[in-house]
C-alpha atoms as a PDB file:
ATOM      1  CA  MET A   1     -54.153 -29.120 -48.962  1.00  0.00           C
ATOM      2  CA  ASP A   2     -53.942 -27.194 -45.514  1.00  0.00           C
ATOM      3  CA  LYS A   3     -50.744 -26.217 -45.375  1.00  0.00           C
ATOM      4  CA  ARG A   4     -50.797 -26.588 -41.914  1.00  0.00           C
ATOM      5  CA  GLN A   5     -51.569 -30.400 -42.256  1.00  0.00           C
ATOM      6  CA  THR A   6     -47.923 -31.246 -41.488  1.00  0.00           C
ATOM      7  CA  ALA A   7     -45.964 -34.408 -39.840  1.00  0.00           C
ATOM      8  CA  LYS A   8     -48.725 -36.369 -40.954  1.00  0.00           C
ATOM      9  CA  THR A   9     -49.009 -38.761 -43.457  1.00  0.00           C
ATOM     10  CA  ARG A  10     -49.621 -37.575 -46.812  1.00  0.00           C
ATOM     11  CA  ALA A  11     -50.033 -38.777 -50.102  1.00  0.00           C
ATOM     12  CA  LYS A  12     -47.476 -37.603 -52.745  1.00  0.00           C
ATOM     13  CA  GLY A  13     -47.223 -39.226 -56.158  1.00  0.00           C
ATOM     14  CA  GLY A  14     -49.172 -42.075 -55.289  1.00  0.00           C
ATOM     15  CA  LEU A  15     -46.881 -43.018 -52.198  1.00  0.00           C
ATOM     16  CA  PRO A  16     -47.542 -42.247 -48.289  1.00  0.00           C
ATOM     17  CA  TYR A  17     -44.664 -40.011 -47.201  1.00  0.00           C
ATOM     18  CA  GLN A  18     -44.467 -37.780 -43.618  1.00  0.00           C
ATOM     19  CA  GLU A  19     -43.151 -34.371 -43.309  1.00  0.00           C
ATOM     20  CA  PRO A  20     -39.583 -34.863 -42.595  1.00  0.00           C
ATOM     21  CA  HIS A  21     -39.509 -31.278 -40.733  1.00  0.00           C
ATOM     22  CA  GLY A  22     -43.124 -30.612 -40.211  1.00  0.00           C
ATOM     23  CA  THR A  23     -44.491 -29.224 -36.879  1.00  0.00           C
ATOM     24  CA  ARG A  24     -45.397 -31.506 -33.922  1.00  0.00           C
ATOM     25  CA  ALA A  25     -47.786 -30.667 -31.029  1.00  0.00           C
ATOM     26  CA  GLY A  26     -45.089 -31.488 -29.122  1.00  0.00           C
ATOM     27  CA  ALA A  27     -42.966 -28.919 -30.178  1.00  0.00           C
ATOM     28  CA  SER A  28     -45.150 -25.958 -28.054  1.00  0.00           C
ATOM     29  CA  GLY A  29     -44.928 -28.200 -25.138  1.00  0.00           C
ATOM     30  CA  LYS A  30     -47.118 -31.237 -25.803  1.00  0.00           C
ATOM     31  CA  PHE A  31     -44.685 -34.042 -25.575  1.00  0.00           C
ATOM     32  CA  LEU A  32     -45.674 -35.448 -22.343  1.00  0.00           C
ATOM     33  CA  GLU A  33     -49.302 -35.165 -22.938  1.00  0.00           C
ATOM     34  CA  GLU A  34     -48.991 -36.508 -26.492  1.00  0.00           C
ATOM     35  CA  ALA A  35     -46.654 -39.829 -24.748  1.00  0.00           C
ATOM     36  CA  ILE A  36     -49.183 -40.108 -22.433  1.00  0.00           C
ATOM     37  CA  GLY A  37     -52.038 -40.618 -24.699  1.00  0.00           C
ATOM     38  CA  ARG A  38     -50.194 -43.065 -26.837  1.00  0.00           C
ATOM     39  CA  GLU A  39     -49.786 -45.154 -23.589  1.00  0.00           C
ATOM     40  CA  VAL A  40     -53.450 -45.003 -22.665  1.00  0.00           C
ATOM     41  CA  LYS A  41     -54.432 -46.188 -26.492  1.00  0.00           C
ATOM     42  CA  ARG A  42     -51.869 -48.944 -26.195  1.00  0.00           C
ATOM     43  CA  PHE A  43     -53.135 -50.436 -23.157  1.00  0.00           C
ATOM     44  CA  ARG A  44     -56.671 -49.525 -23.581  1.00  0.00           C
ATOM     45  CA  GLU A  45     -56.128 -51.618 -27.247  1.00  0.00           C
ATOM     46  CA  LYS A  46     -54.082 -53.988 -25.355  1.00  0.00           C
ATOM     47  CA  LEU A  47     -57.046 -55.157 -23.289  1.00  0.00           C
ATOM     48  CA  ASN A  48     -59.578 -54.969 -26.398  1.00  0.00           C
ATOM     49  CA  ILE A  49     -62.017 -52.412 -24.663  1.00  0.00           C
ATOM     50  CA  THR A  50     -63.671 -49.352 -26.235  1.00  0.00           C
ATOM     51  CA  ILE A  51     -63.383 -45.774 -25.107  1.00  0.00           C
ATOM     52  CA  SER A  52     -66.580 -45.750 -23.868  1.00  0.00           C
ATOM     53  CA  GLU A  53     -65.803 -48.790 -21.547  1.00  0.00           C
ATOM     54  CA  LEU A  54     -62.488 -47.025 -20.166  1.00  0.00           C
ATOM     55  CA  ALA A  55     -64.243 -44.226 -19.548  1.00  0.00           C
ATOM     56  CA  LYS A  56     -66.971 -45.716 -17.886  1.00  0.00           C
ATOM     57  CA  ALA A  57     -64.118 -47.852 -15.452  1.00  0.00           C
ATOM     58  CA  ALA A  58     -62.372 -44.751 -14.867  1.00  0.00           C
ATOM     59  CA  GLY A  59     -65.155 -42.380 -13.976  1.00  0.00           C
ATOM     60  CA  MET A  60     -64.919 -39.791 -16.741  1.00  0.00           C
ATOM     61  CA  SER A  61     -66.751 -39.159 -19.798  1.00  0.00           C
ATOM     62  CA  ALA A  62     -65.757 -40.592 -22.874  1.00  0.00           C
ATOM     63  CA  GLY A  63     -64.976 -37.052 -24.652  1.00  0.00           C
ATOM     64  CA  MET A  64     -62.367 -36.534 -21.948  1.00  0.00           C
ATOM     65  CA  LEU A  65     -60.782 -39.894 -22.682  1.00  0.00           C
ATOM     66  CA  SER A  66     -60.691 -39.298 -26.244  1.00  0.00           C
ATOM     67  CA  LYS A  67     -58.984 -35.933 -25.684  1.00  0.00           C
ATOM     68  CA  ILE A  68     -56.221 -37.282 -23.398  1.00  0.00           C
ATOM     69  CA  GLU A  69     -55.699 -40.422 -25.757  1.00  0.00           C
ATOM     70  CA  ASN A  70     -55.298 -37.425 -28.769  1.00  0.00           C
ATOM     71  CA  GLY A  71     -52.932 -35.720 -26.685  1.00  0.00           C
ATOM     72  CA  ALA A  72     -55.116 -32.744 -26.596  1.00  0.00           C
ATOM     73  CA  THR A  73     -55.275 -32.259 -22.547  1.00  0.00           C
ATOM     74  CA  SER A  74     -52.763 -32.621 -19.798  1.00  0.00           C
ATOM     75  CA  PRO A  75     -54.925 -34.904 -17.471  1.00  0.00           C
ATOM     76  CA  SER A  76     -54.571 -34.701 -13.863  1.00  0.00           C
ATOM     77  CA  LEU A  77     -52.852 -36.916 -11.072  1.00  0.00           C
ATOM     78  CA  ALA A  78     -56.550 -38.243 -10.160  1.00  0.00           C
ATOM     79  CA  SER A  79     -57.329 -39.062 -13.576  1.00  0.00           C
ATOM     80  CA  LEU A  80     -54.040 -40.600 -14.537  1.00  0.00           C
ATOM     81  CA  GLN A  81     -54.491 -43.016 -11.013  1.00  0.00           C
ATOM     82  CA  ALA A  82     -58.130 -44.024 -12.199  1.00  0.00           C
ATOM     83  CA  LEU A  83     -56.909 -44.747 -15.778  1.00  0.00           C
ATOM     84  CA  GLY A  84     -53.798 -46.555 -14.364  1.00  0.00           C
ATOM     85  CA  LYS A  85     -56.356 -48.742 -11.904  1.00  0.00           C
ATOM     86  CA  ALA A  86     -58.740 -49.242 -14.638  1.00  0.00           C
ATOM     87  CA  LEU A  87     -55.893 -50.039 -17.145  1.00  0.00           C
ATOM     88  CA  GLN A  88     -54.568 -52.592 -14.467  1.00  0.00           C
ATOM     89  CA  VAL A  89     -51.234 -50.745 -14.594  1.00  0.00           C
ATOM     90  CA  PRO A  90     -49.078 -48.802 -12.240  1.00  0.00           C
ATOM     91  CA  VAL A  91     -49.296 -44.990 -13.173  1.00  0.00           C
ATOM     92  CA  THR A  92     -45.739 -44.580 -13.915  1.00  0.00           C
ATOM     93  CA  ALA A  93     -46.341 -47.203 -16.825  1.00  0.00           C
ATOM     94  CA  LEU A  94     -48.334 -43.941 -18.354  1.00  0.00           C
ATOM     95  CA  PHE A  95     -44.998 -42.065 -18.854  1.00  0.00           C
ATOM     96  CA  ARG A  96     -42.839 -44.757 -20.008  1.00  0.00           C
ATOM     97  CA  SER A  97     -42.828 -43.405 -23.754  1.00  0.00           C
ATOM     98  CA  PHE A  98     -42.203 -39.683 -22.390  1.00  0.00           C
ATOM     99  CA  GLU A  99     -39.114 -41.223 -20.450  1.00  0.00           C
ATOM    100  CA  GLU A 100     -37.685 -43.401 -23.375  1.00  0.00           C
ATOM    101  CA  THR A 101     -34.023 -42.637 -24.322  1.00  0.00           C
ATOM    102  CA  ARG A 102     -33.874 -40.517 -27.770  1.00  0.00           C
ATOM    103  CA  ASP A 103     -30.723 -41.187 -29.330  1.00  0.00           C
ATOM    104  CA  ALA A 104     -28.827 -38.175 -30.940  1.00  0.00           C
ATOM    105  CA  SER A 105     -25.148 -38.561 -33.118  1.00  0.00           C
ATOM    106  CA  PHE A 106     -23.226 -35.611 -34.157  1.00  0.00           C
ATOM    107  CA  VAL A 107     -20.309 -35.859 -35.936  1.00  0.00           C
ATOM    108  CA  LYS A 108     -18.056 -32.739 -37.130  1.00  0.00           C
ATOM    109  CA  SER A 109     -17.020 -32.556 -40.574  1.00  0.00           C
ATOM    110  CA  GLY A 110     -14.047 -34.676 -41.611  1.00  0.00           C
ATOM    111  CA  GLN A 111     -14.135 -36.414 -37.964  1.00  0.00           C
ATOM    112  CA  GLY A 112     -16.227 -39.527 -38.662  1.00  0.00           C
ATOM    113  CA  LEU A 113     -14.780 -42.706 -37.184  1.00  0.00           C
ATOM    114  CA  THR A 114     -12.674 -44.605 -39.885  1.00  0.00           C
ATOM    115  CA  ILE A 115     -13.280 -48.395 -39.566  1.00  0.00           C
ATOM    116  CA  GLU A 116     -12.554 -51.500 -41.505  1.00  0.00           C
ATOM    117  CA  ARG A 117     -15.431 -53.581 -43.292  1.00  0.00           C
ATOM    118  CA  ARG A 118     -15.170 -56.979 -44.951  1.00  0.00           C
ATOM    119  CA  GLY A 119     -13.831 -56.190 -48.262  1.00  0.00           C
ATOM    120  CA  THR A 120     -12.019 -53.019 -47.108  1.00  0.00           C
ATOM    121  CA  ARG A 121      -9.036 -52.830 -49.713  1.00  0.00           C
ATOM    122  CA  ALA A 122      -6.481 -49.821 -50.253  1.00  0.00           C
ATOM    123  CA  GLY A 123      -8.167 -46.863 -51.536  1.00  0.00           C
ATOM    124  CA  HIS A 124     -11.280 -47.534 -50.286  1.00  0.00           C
ATOM    125  CA  GLN A 125     -12.337 -45.672 -47.080  1.00  0.00           C
ATOM    126  CA  TYR A 126     -15.497 -46.091 -44.798  1.00  0.00           C
ATOM    127  CA  GLN A 127     -16.485 -43.389 -42.307  1.00  0.00           C
ATOM    128  CA  LEU A 128     -18.948 -44.421 -40.139  1.00  0.00           C
ATOM    129  CA  LEU A 129     -20.856 -40.702 -39.523  1.00  0.00           C
ATOM    130  CA  GLY A 130     -23.535 -41.853 -36.520  1.00  0.00           C
ATOM    131  CA  HIS A 131     -24.899 -45.165 -34.812  1.00  0.00           C
ATOM    132  CA  SER A 132     -27.758 -46.303 -32.889  1.00  0.00           C
ATOM    133  CA  PRO A 133     -27.262 -47.804 -29.441  1.00  0.00           C
ATOM    134  CA  HIS A 134     -30.948 -48.339 -28.618  1.00  0.00           C
ATOM    135  CA  GLY A 135     -33.867 -49.507 -30.464  1.00  0.00           C
ATOM    136  CA  PRO A 136     -35.035 -52.291 -32.139  1.00  0.00           C
ATOM    137  CA  VAL A 137     -33.540 -50.879 -35.682  1.00  0.00           C
ATOM    138  CA  VAL A 138     -29.964 -50.616 -36.025  1.00  0.00           C
ATOM    139  CA  VAL A 139     -28.658 -47.508 -38.448  1.00  0.00           C
ATOM    140  CA  GLU A 140     -25.034 -47.286 -39.669  1.00  0.00           C
ATOM    141  CA  PRO A 141     -24.600 -44.325 -41.845  1.00  0.00           C
ATOM    142  CA  TYR A 142     -21.199 -44.562 -43.890  1.00  0.00           C
ATOM    143  CA  MET A 143     -19.403 -41.907 -46.303  1.00  0.00           C
ATOM    144  CA  ILE A 144     -17.640 -44.256 -48.527  1.00  0.00           C
ATOM    145  CA  THR A 145     -14.522 -42.783 -50.800  1.00  0.00           C
ATOM    146  CA  LEU A 146     -13.147 -45.138 -53.192  1.00  0.00           C
ATOM    147  CA  THR A 147      -9.598 -43.581 -55.103  1.00  0.00           C
ATOM    148  CA  HIS A 148      -7.868 -46.733 -56.470  1.00  0.00           C
ATOM    149  CA  GLU A 149      -9.334 -48.017 -59.657  1.00  0.00           C
ATOM    150  CA  SER A 150      -6.675 -50.874 -59.782  1.00  0.00           C
ATOM    151  CA  ASP A 151      -8.445 -52.473 -56.188  1.00  0.00           C
ATOM    152  CA  VAL A 152     -10.930 -55.618 -56.773  1.00  0.00           C
ATOM    153  CA  PHE A 153     -14.216 -54.866 -55.065  1.00  0.00           C
ATOM    154  CA  PRO A 154     -15.947 -57.543 -53.627  1.00  0.00           C
ATOM    155  CA  THR A 155     -19.649 -57.622 -53.715  1.00  0.00           C
ATOM    156  CA  PHE A 156     -21.465 -57.697 -50.179  1.00  0.00           C
ATOM    157  CA  GLN A 157     -24.406 -59.687 -48.570  1.00  0.00           C
ATOM    158  CA  HIS A 158     -26.082 -58.260 -45.110  1.00  0.00           C
ATOM    159  CA  ALA A 159     -29.220 -58.192 -43.455  1.00  0.00           C
ATOM    160  CA  GLY A 160     -31.616 -55.051 -43.713  1.00  0.00           C
ATOM    161  CA  LEU A 161     -32.154 -52.147 -46.145  1.00  0.00           C
ATOM    162  CA  GLU A 162     -29.488 -50.187 -47.418  1.00  0.00           C
ATOM    163  CA  PHE A 163     -29.586 -46.475 -49.312  1.00  0.00           C
ATOM    164  CA  LEU A 164     -26.924 -44.944 -51.479  1.00  0.00           C
ATOM    165  CA  TYR A 165     -26.665 -41.170 -52.423  1.00  0.00           C
ATOM    166  CA  MET A 166     -23.915 -40.134 -54.900  1.00  0.00           C
ATOM    167  CA  ILE A 167     -21.946 -37.134 -54.097  1.00  0.00           C
ATOM    168  CA  GLU A 168     -19.213 -37.317 -55.963  1.00  0.00           C
ATOM    169  CA  GLY A 169     -17.576 -39.367 -59.366  1.00  0.00           C
ATOM    170  CA  ASN A 170     -19.090 -41.983 -60.989  1.00  0.00           C
ATOM    171  CA  VAL A 171     -19.658 -45.450 -60.767  1.00  0.00           C
ATOM    172  CA  ILE A 172     -21.576 -48.396 -62.090  1.00  0.00           C
ATOM    173  CA  TYR A 173     -23.132 -50.118 -59.057  1.00  0.00           C
ATOM    174  CA  ARG A 174     -24.680 -53.927 -59.114  1.00  0.00           C
ATOM    175  CA  HIS A 175     -27.297 -55.157 -57.089  1.00  0.00           C
ATOM    176  CA  GLY A 176     -28.277 -58.732 -57.840  1.00  0.00           C
ATOM    177  CA  ASP A 177     -28.648 -59.362 -61.376  1.00  0.00           C
ATOM    178  CA  LYS A 178     -28.850 -55.376 -62.562  1.00  0.00           C
ATOM    179  CA  THR A 179     -26.602 -52.397 -62.747  1.00  0.00           C
ATOM    180  CA  TYR A 180     -27.218 -49.078 -62.220  1.00  0.00           C
ATOM    181  CA  ASP A 181     -24.852 -45.914 -63.584  1.00  0.00           C
ATOM    182  CA  MET A 182     -24.715 -43.836 -60.924  1.00  0.00           C
ATOM    183  CA  HIS A 183     -23.788 -40.052 -60.780  1.00  0.00           C
ATOM    184  CA  PRO A 184     -23.770 -37.161 -58.292  1.00  0.00           C
ATOM    185  CA  GLY A 185     -27.652 -36.870 -57.220  1.00  0.00           C
ATOM    186  CA  ASP A 186     -28.313 -40.087 -58.091  1.00  0.00           C
ATOM    187  CA  SER A 187     -29.867 -42.834 -55.077  1.00  0.00           C
ATOM    188  CA  LEU A 188     -30.280 -46.335 -54.944  1.00  0.00           C
ATOM    189  CA  PHE A 189     -32.330 -48.021 -52.188  1.00  0.00           C
ATOM    190  CA  PHE A 190     -32.203 -51.903 -52.001  1.00  0.00           C
ATOM    191  CA  ASP A 191     -32.686 -54.818 -50.036  1.00  0.00           C
ATOM    192  CA  ALA A 192     -29.061 -55.801 -48.661  1.00  0.00           C
ATOM    193  CA  ASP A 193     -29.882 -59.781 -48.628  1.00  0.00           C
ATOM    194  CA  ALA A 194     -28.707 -59.482 -52.632  1.00  0.00           C
ATOM    195  CA  PRO A 195     -25.394 -59.593 -53.781  1.00  0.00           C
ATOM    196  CA  HIS A 196     -24.207 -55.844 -54.348  1.00  0.00           C
ATOM    197  CA  GLY A 197     -21.493 -53.308 -54.558  1.00  0.00           C
ATOM    198  CA  PRO A 198     -19.582 -51.372 -57.022  1.00  0.00           C
ATOM    199  CA  GLU A 199     -18.539 -53.084 -60.015  1.00  0.00           C
ATOM    200  CA  GLU A 200     -16.963 -50.308 -62.083  1.00  0.00           C
ATOM    201  CA  LEU A 201     -15.530 -47.345 -61.085  1.00  0.00           C
ATOM    202  CA  GLY A 202     -15.761 -44.781 -63.322  1.00  0.00           C
ATOM    203  CA  LYS A 203     -14.664 -40.932 -62.266  1.00  0.00           C
ATOM    204  CA  LEU A 204     -12.313 -40.763 -59.428  1.00  0.00           C
ATOM    205  CA  PRO A 205     -12.574 -39.884 -56.517  1.00  0.00           C
ATOM    206  CA  ILE A 206     -16.218 -41.768 -55.979  1.00  0.00           C
ATOM    207  CA  ARG A 207     -17.519 -40.298 -52.483  1.00  0.00           C
ATOM    208  CA  TYR A 208     -21.094 -41.814 -51.720  1.00  0.00           C
ATOM    209  CA  LEU A 209     -23.401 -41.480 -48.814  1.00  0.00           C
ATOM    210  CA  SER A 210     -24.292 -45.114 -47.663  1.00  0.00           C
ATOM    211  CA  VAL A 211     -27.130 -45.779 -44.880  1.00  0.00           C
ATOM    212  CA  ILE A 212     -27.727 -49.492 -43.883  1.00  0.00           C
ATOM    213  CA  SER A 213     -30.579 -50.478 -41.481  1.00  0.00           C
ATOM    214  CA  TYR A 214     -31.509 -53.458 -39.989  1.00  0.00           C
ATOM    215  CA  ARG A 215     -33.360 -55.531 -37.349  1.00  0.00           C
ATOM    216  CA  ARG A 216     -30.986 -55.161 -33.770  1.00  0.00           C
ATOM    217  CA  GLU A 217     -31.063 -58.764 -33.455  1.00  0.00           C
ATOM    218  CA  GLU A 218     -29.987 -59.659 -37.256  1.00  0.00           C
END
């Protein structure tokens, strides 16, 4: 496989994945062109017309329009105006995805926000490591520390998906009718709507990363 084919969906072990640190065309100054191209394609598909039909309506070649949709060229203002008119949208609509807020949340080591969650007990510490204030999906990354074996830990049920990654200690973790013996380096990904939570605390202290994601309206 061509090593340059990064940031594209490929198959590994039969599962599709995306190169997490692959380079994008946008890294070399193409973010705006790519954003415009995505919007042009989105509006064209919404109108259910072909590239040839839109190109004809905008007075340009199908080849040029294809390059614009793929972010391979920077369209002139005249071309953008022609496309906006043909797509029946204001020119500013073609820049929408480029101007959207792109959130980032940085937390220094040991400075995560300590919070109280349902079922929290003494010796059970939750540190929120970041948050996503915008967009349709909420992502909540927690560092969870368990230090008191005597406390009873209740099971949880909530909307969305959850990913666990063990960092320290040992815990028997329940999900639905199954249990998993988790050690450092182990991970578990599951539907959080099923009852889940630590069932037996083994080697203490226990630390693991929990990432919960769900649709914002949930």
